[in-house]
Amino acid sequence: MNEPSGAYAADELRARVETATTGTPYRYRWTERGFDLVVDVPLPGGRRVHTYRVVLLPAERTFTLTDVVHTHERGPFGTTRRTVETGRARYRTWSRSLDGSERHSFSSADGHRLIRGVTEELGWREVGPATEKGALIAGAVGGLVALGILVGLAIAFWP
């Protein structure tokens, strides 16, 4: 069986994800390099918008998945705090109305599973974003520097 390649494969993936999100709280948004899934996360005293940003590399049939989380929280005396987190976000929230009639829960893992499920079915492979690779390299270099310092101190203070 011939597998679709290039732009056709990317269009097929986009269409499958858009179909998979129909009737769910996720809003599908087409982007030039892939797509975004956006969902509003209920928070007591604020709101959070979680975006799953997917960049497709059709020639290699690979993709990167990055979470972008915008949080708006209301504080005392009418103050607001806004934060943006980018990278891998794994969290779970629960909330309930004061009278207990409405309950909301959210897990960021659900969106990851949805995206990975569709991409796996179509034979796409996930690769880490460049920022993740940079963090791994920086961590390895930092570990080697710390090890070198410890060895140097052990030699300097050895009886």
C-alpha atoms as a PDB file:
ATOM      1  CA  MET A   1       0.000   0.000   0.000  1.00  0.00           C
ATOM      2  CA  ASN A   2       1.354   3.404  -0.945  1.00  0.00           C
ATOM      3  CA  GLU A   3       1.547   5.897   1.880  1.00  0.00           C
ATOM      4  CA  PRO A   4       0.862   9.572   1.186  1.00  0.00           C
ATOM      5  CA  SER A   5       3.908  11.774   1.329  1.00  0.00           C
ATOM      6  CA  GLY A   6       4.785  15.420   1.615  1.00  0.00           C
ATOM      7  CA  ALA A   7       2.080  18.048   1.668  1.00  0.00           C
ATOM      8  CA  TYR A   8      -0.676  15.484   1.060  1.00  0.00           C
ATOM      9  CA  ALA A   9       0.332  13.574   4.210  1.00  0.00           C
ATOM     10  CA  ALA A  10       0.291  16.806   6.235  1.00  0.00           C
ATOM     11  CA  ASP A  11      -3.156  17.719   4.886  1.00  0.00           C
ATOM     12  CA  GLU A  12      -4.463  14.240   5.731  1.00  0.00           C
ATOM     13  CA  LEU A  13      -3.086  14.520   9.275  1.00  0.00           C
ATOM     14  CA  ARG A  14      -4.626  17.963   9.737  1.00  0.00           C
ATOM     15  CA  ALA A  15      -7.998  16.716   8.505  1.00  0.00           C
ATOM     16  CA  ARG A  16      -7.919  13.675  10.820  1.00  0.00           C
ATOM     17  CA  VAL A  17      -7.076  15.817  13.870  1.00  0.00           C
ATOM     18  CA  GLU A  18      -9.785  18.326  12.974  1.00  0.00           C
ATOM     19  CA  THR A  19     -12.318  15.468  12.691  1.00  0.00           C
ATOM     20  CA  ALA A  20     -11.133  13.956  15.993  1.00  0.00           C
ATOM     21  CA  THR A  21     -11.749  17.242  17.816  1.00  0.00           C
ATOM     22  CA  THR A  22     -15.280  17.758  16.506  1.00  0.00           C
ATOM     23  CA  GLY A  23     -17.693  17.844  19.425  1.00  0.00           C
ATOM     24  CA  THR A  24     -14.911  18.222  22.003  1.00  0.00           C
ATOM     25  CA  PRO A  25     -13.812  21.296  23.973  1.00  0.00           C
ATOM     26  CA  TYR A  26     -10.713  21.529  21.740  1.00  0.00           C
ATOM     27  CA  ARG A  27     -10.719  24.212  19.051  1.00  0.00           C
ATOM     28  CA  TYR A  28      -8.719  23.267  15.965  1.00  0.00           C
ATOM     29  CA  ARG A  29      -6.717  26.056  14.327  1.00  0.00           C
ATOM     30  CA  TRP A  30      -4.803  25.555  11.067  1.00  0.00           C
ATOM     31  CA  THR A  31      -1.333  27.153  10.985  1.00  0.00           C
ATOM     32  CA  GLU A  32       1.156  27.541   8.175  1.00  0.00           C
ATOM     33  CA  ARG A  33       3.542  24.975   9.670  1.00  0.00           C
ATOM     34  CA  GLY A  34       0.994  22.617  11.253  1.00  0.00           C
ATOM     35  CA  PHE A  35      -1.933  23.197  13.593  1.00  0.00           C
ATOM     36  CA  ASP A  36      -2.899  24.280  17.097  1.00  0.00           C
ATOM     37  CA  LEU A  37      -5.441  22.730  19.434  1.00  0.00           C
ATOM     38  CA  VAL A  38      -6.737  25.309  21.905  1.00  0.00           C
ATOM     39  CA  VAL A  39      -8.785  24.584  25.012  1.00  0.00           C
ATOM     40  CA  ASP A  40     -10.083  26.811  27.821  1.00  0.00           C
ATOM     41  CA  VAL A  41      -9.252  25.388  31.241  1.00  0.00           C
ATOM     42  CA  PRO A  42     -11.560  26.421  34.085  1.00  0.00           C
ATOM     43  CA  LEU A  43      -9.759  27.840  37.107  1.00  0.00           C
ATOM     44  CA  PRO A  44     -11.204  29.263  40.285  1.00  0.00           C
ATOM     45  CA  GLY A  45     -10.414  32.982  40.288  1.00  0.00           C
ATOM     46  CA  GLY A  46      -9.043  33.114  36.767  1.00  0.00           C
ATOM     47  CA  ARG A  47      -8.704  31.337  33.489  1.00  0.00           C
ATOM     48  CA  ARG A  48      -6.141  29.353  31.576  1.00  0.00           C
ATOM     49  CA  VAL A  49      -5.865  28.796  27.842  1.00  0.00           C
ATOM     50  CA  HIS A  50      -3.841  25.718  26.880  1.00  0.00           C
ATOM     51  CA  THR A  51      -2.551  25.533  23.312  1.00  0.00           C
ATOM     52  CA  TYR A  52      -1.035  22.368  21.899  1.00  0.00           C
ATOM     53  CA  ARG A  53       1.207  23.694  19.114  1.00  0.00           C
ATOM     54  CA  VAL A  54       2.087  21.083  16.496  1.00  0.00           C
ATOM     55  CA  VAL A  55       4.694  21.773  13.818  1.00  0.00           C
ATOM     56  CA  LEU A  56       4.749  19.264  10.973  1.00  0.00           C
ATOM     57  CA  LEU A  57       7.800  18.221   8.981  1.00  0.00           C
ATOM     58  CA  PRO A  58       6.097  16.341   6.119  1.00  0.00           C
ATOM     59  CA  ALA A  59       9.250  15.269   4.248  1.00  0.00           C
ATOM     60  CA  GLU A  60      10.412  13.266   7.289  1.00  0.00           C
ATOM     61  CA  ARG A  61       6.858  12.468   8.535  1.00  0.00           C
ATOM     62  CA  THR A  62       7.812  13.906  11.921  1.00  0.00           C
ATOM     63  CA  PHE A  63       6.260  16.527  14.174  1.00  0.00           C
ATOM     64  CA  THR A  64       7.043  18.540  17.283  1.00  0.00           C
ATOM     65  CA  LEU A  65       4.518  19.125  20.042  1.00  0.00           C
ATOM     66  CA  THR A  66       4.881  22.161  22.307  1.00  0.00           C
ATOM     67  CA  ASP A  67       2.488  23.306  25.019  1.00  0.00           C
ATOM     68  CA  VAL A  68       1.806  27.025  25.366  1.00  0.00           C
ATOM     69  CA  VAL A  69      -0.175  27.860  28.502  1.00  0.00           C
ATOM     70  CA  HIS A  70      -1.567  31.373  29.117  1.00  0.00           C
ATOM     71  CA  THR A  71      -2.828  31.883  32.674  1.00  0.00           C
ATOM     72  CA  HIS A  72      -4.796  34.904  33.908  1.00  0.00           C
ATOM     73  CA  GLU A  73      -5.343  34.960  37.674  1.00  0.00           C
ATOM     74  CA  ARG A  74      -7.198  37.539  39.714  1.00  0.00           C
ATOM     75  CA  GLY A  75      -5.583  38.457  42.984  1.00  0.00           C
ATOM     76  CA  PRO A  76      -6.530  40.583  45.950  1.00  0.00           C
ATOM     77  CA  PHE A  77      -7.595  44.202  45.448  1.00  0.00           C
ATOM     78  CA  GLY A  78      -8.381  43.688  41.760  1.00  0.00           C
ATOM     79  CA  THR A  79      -4.840  42.825  40.728  1.00  0.00           C
ATOM     80  CA  THR A  80      -4.243  40.383  37.890  1.00  0.00           C
ATOM     81  CA  ARG A  81      -1.308  38.159  37.143  1.00  0.00           C
ATOM     82  CA  ARG A  82      -0.622  36.886  33.655  1.00  0.00           C
ATOM     83  CA  THR A  83       1.892  34.186  32.865  1.00  0.00           C
ATOM     84  CA  VAL A  84       2.904  32.304  29.755  1.00  0.00           C
ATOM     85  CA  GLU A  85       4.605  28.910  29.937  1.00  0.00           C
ATOM     86  CA  THR A  86       6.083  27.229  26.891  1.00  0.00           C
ATOM     87  CA  GLY A  87       7.464  23.711  26.669  1.00  0.00           C
ATOM     88  CA  ARG A  88       5.997  20.518  28.086  1.00  0.00           C
ATOM     89  CA  ALA A  89       3.125  21.101  30.460  1.00  0.00           C
ATOM     90  CA  ARG A  90       1.666  18.237  32.439  1.00  0.00           C
ATOM     91  CA  TYR A  91      -1.004  19.145  34.925  1.00  0.00           C
ATOM     92  CA  ARG A  92      -4.517  18.337  36.040  1.00  0.00           C
ATOM     93  CA  THR A  93      -7.215  20.645  37.413  1.00  0.00           C
ATOM     94  CA  TRP A  94     -10.543  20.119  39.118  1.00  0.00           C
ATOM     95  CA  SER A  95     -13.142  22.694  40.028  1.00  0.00           C
ATOM     96  CA  ARG A  96     -16.731  22.816  41.167  1.00  0.00           C
ATOM     97  CA  SER A  97     -19.302  25.575  41.411  1.00  0.00           C
ATOM     98  CA  LEU A  98     -20.099  26.861  44.888  1.00  0.00           C
ATOM     99  CA  ASP A  99     -23.472  25.107  44.938  1.00  0.00           C
ATOM    100  CA  GLY A 100     -21.895  21.874  43.634  1.00  0.00           C
ATOM    101  CA  SER A 101     -24.041  21.727  40.511  1.00  0.00           C
ATOM    102  CA  GLU A 102     -21.199  22.053  37.986  1.00  0.00           C
ATOM    103  CA  ARG A 103     -17.943  20.122  37.986  1.00  0.00           C
ATOM    104  CA  HIS A 104     -15.031  20.642  35.645  1.00  0.00           C
ATOM    105  CA  SER A 105     -11.828  18.690  35.249  1.00  0.00           C
ATOM    106  CA  PHE A 106      -8.961  18.961  32.808  1.00  0.00           C
ATOM    107  CA  SER A 107      -5.841  16.933  32.157  1.00  0.00           C
ATOM    108  CA  SER A 108      -3.221  18.200  29.738  1.00  0.00           C
ATOM    109  CA  ALA A 109      -2.388  14.560  28.967  1.00  0.00           C
ATOM    110  CA  ASP A 110      -5.741  14.152  27.163  1.00  0.00           C
ATOM    111  CA  GLY A 111      -4.716  16.546  24.386  1.00  0.00           C
ATOM    112  CA  HIS A 112      -1.312  14.885  24.092  1.00  0.00           C
ATOM    113  CA  ARG A 113      -2.993  11.465  23.742  1.00  0.00           C
ATOM    114  CA  LEU A 114      -5.410  12.760  21.109  1.00  0.00           C
ATOM    115  CA  ILE A 115      -2.614  14.194  18.955  1.00  0.00           C
ATOM    116  CA  ARG A 116      -0.260  11.252  19.410  1.00  0.00           C
ATOM    117  CA  GLY A 117      -3.041   8.764  18.706  1.00  0.00           C
ATOM    118  CA  VAL A 118      -3.864  10.284  15.313  1.00  0.00           C
ATOM    119  CA  THR A 119      -0.230  10.790  14.333  1.00  0.00           C
ATOM    120  CA  GLU A 120       0.658   7.209  15.295  1.00  0.00           C
ATOM    121  CA  GLU A 121      -2.215   5.827  13.201  1.00  0.00           C
ATOM    122  CA  LEU A 122      -0.860   7.675  10.179  1.00  0.00           C
ATOM    123  CA  GLY A 123       2.774   6.670  10.750  1.00  0.00           C
ATOM    124  CA  TRP A 124       4.136  10.011  11.956  1.00  0.00           C
ATOM    125  CA  ARG A 125       6.927  10.174  14.548  1.00  0.00           C
ATOM    126  CA  GLU A 126       7.363  12.781  17.284  1.00  0.00           C
ATOM    127  CA  VAL A 127      10.683  14.568  17.715  1.00  0.00           C
ATOM    128  CA  GLY A 128      11.586  16.863  20.592  1.00  0.00           C
ATOM    129  CA  PRO A 129      11.487  20.621  20.001  1.00  0.00           C
ATOM    130  CA  ALA A 130      14.788  22.467  19.623  1.00  0.00           C
ATOM    131  CA  THR A 131      14.398  24.050  23.070  1.00  0.00           C
ATOM    132  CA  GLU A 132      14.197  20.587  24.633  1.00  0.00           C
ATOM    133  CA  LYS A 133      17.385  19.513  22.872  1.00  0.00           C
ATOM    134  CA  GLY A 134      19.122  22.705  24.003  1.00  0.00           C
ATOM    135  CA  ALA A 135      18.071  22.100  27.602  1.00  0.00           C
ATOM    136  CA  LEU A 136      19.424  18.547  27.475  1.00  0.00           C
ATOM    137  CA  ILE A 137      22.766  19.771  26.133  1.00  0.00           C
ATOM    138  CA  ALA A 138      22.967  22.548  28.742  1.00  0.00           C
ATOM    139  CA  GLY A 139      22.157  20.042  31.493  1.00  0.00           C
ATOM    140  CA  ALA A 140      24.840  17.640  30.299  1.00  0.00           C
ATOM    141  CA  VAL A 141      27.460  20.400  30.105  1.00  0.00           C
ATOM    142  CA  GLY A 142      26.474  21.657  33.565  1.00  0.00           C
ATOM    143  CA  GLY A 143      26.757  18.134  34.971  1.00  0.00           C
ATOM    144  CA  LEU A 144      30.227  17.689  33.470  1.00  0.00           C
ATOM    145  CA  VAL A 145      31.384  21.043  34.883  1.00  0.00           C
ATOM    146  CA  ALA A 146      30.065  20.104  38.342  1.00  0.00           C
ATOM    147  CA  LEU A 147      31.794  16.722  38.148  1.00  0.00           C
ATOM    148  CA  GLY A 148      35.046  18.413  37.144  1.00  0.00           C
ATOM    149  CA  ILE A 149      34.810  20.795  40.091  1.00  0.00           C
ATOM    150  CA  LEU A 150      34.165  17.929  42.512  1.00  0.00           C
ATOM    151  CA  VAL A 151      37.144  15.975  41.186  1.00  0.00           C
ATOM    152  CA  GLY A 152      39.328  19.094  41.423  1.00  0.00           C
ATOM    153  CA  LEU A 153      38.234  19.725  45.010  1.00  0.00           C
ATOM    154  CA  ALA A 154      38.824  16.067  45.919  1.00  0.00           C
ATOM    155  CA  ILE A 155      42.376  16.262  44.528  1.00  0.00           C
ATOM    156  CA  ALA A 156      43.110  19.612  46.204  1.00  0.00           C
ATOM    157  CA  PHE A 157      41.949  18.544  49.638  1.00  0.00           C
ATOM    158  CA  TRP A 158      43.088  14.900  49.615  1.00  0.00           C
ATOM    159  CA  PRO A 159      45.282  14.283  52.693  1.00  0.00           C
END
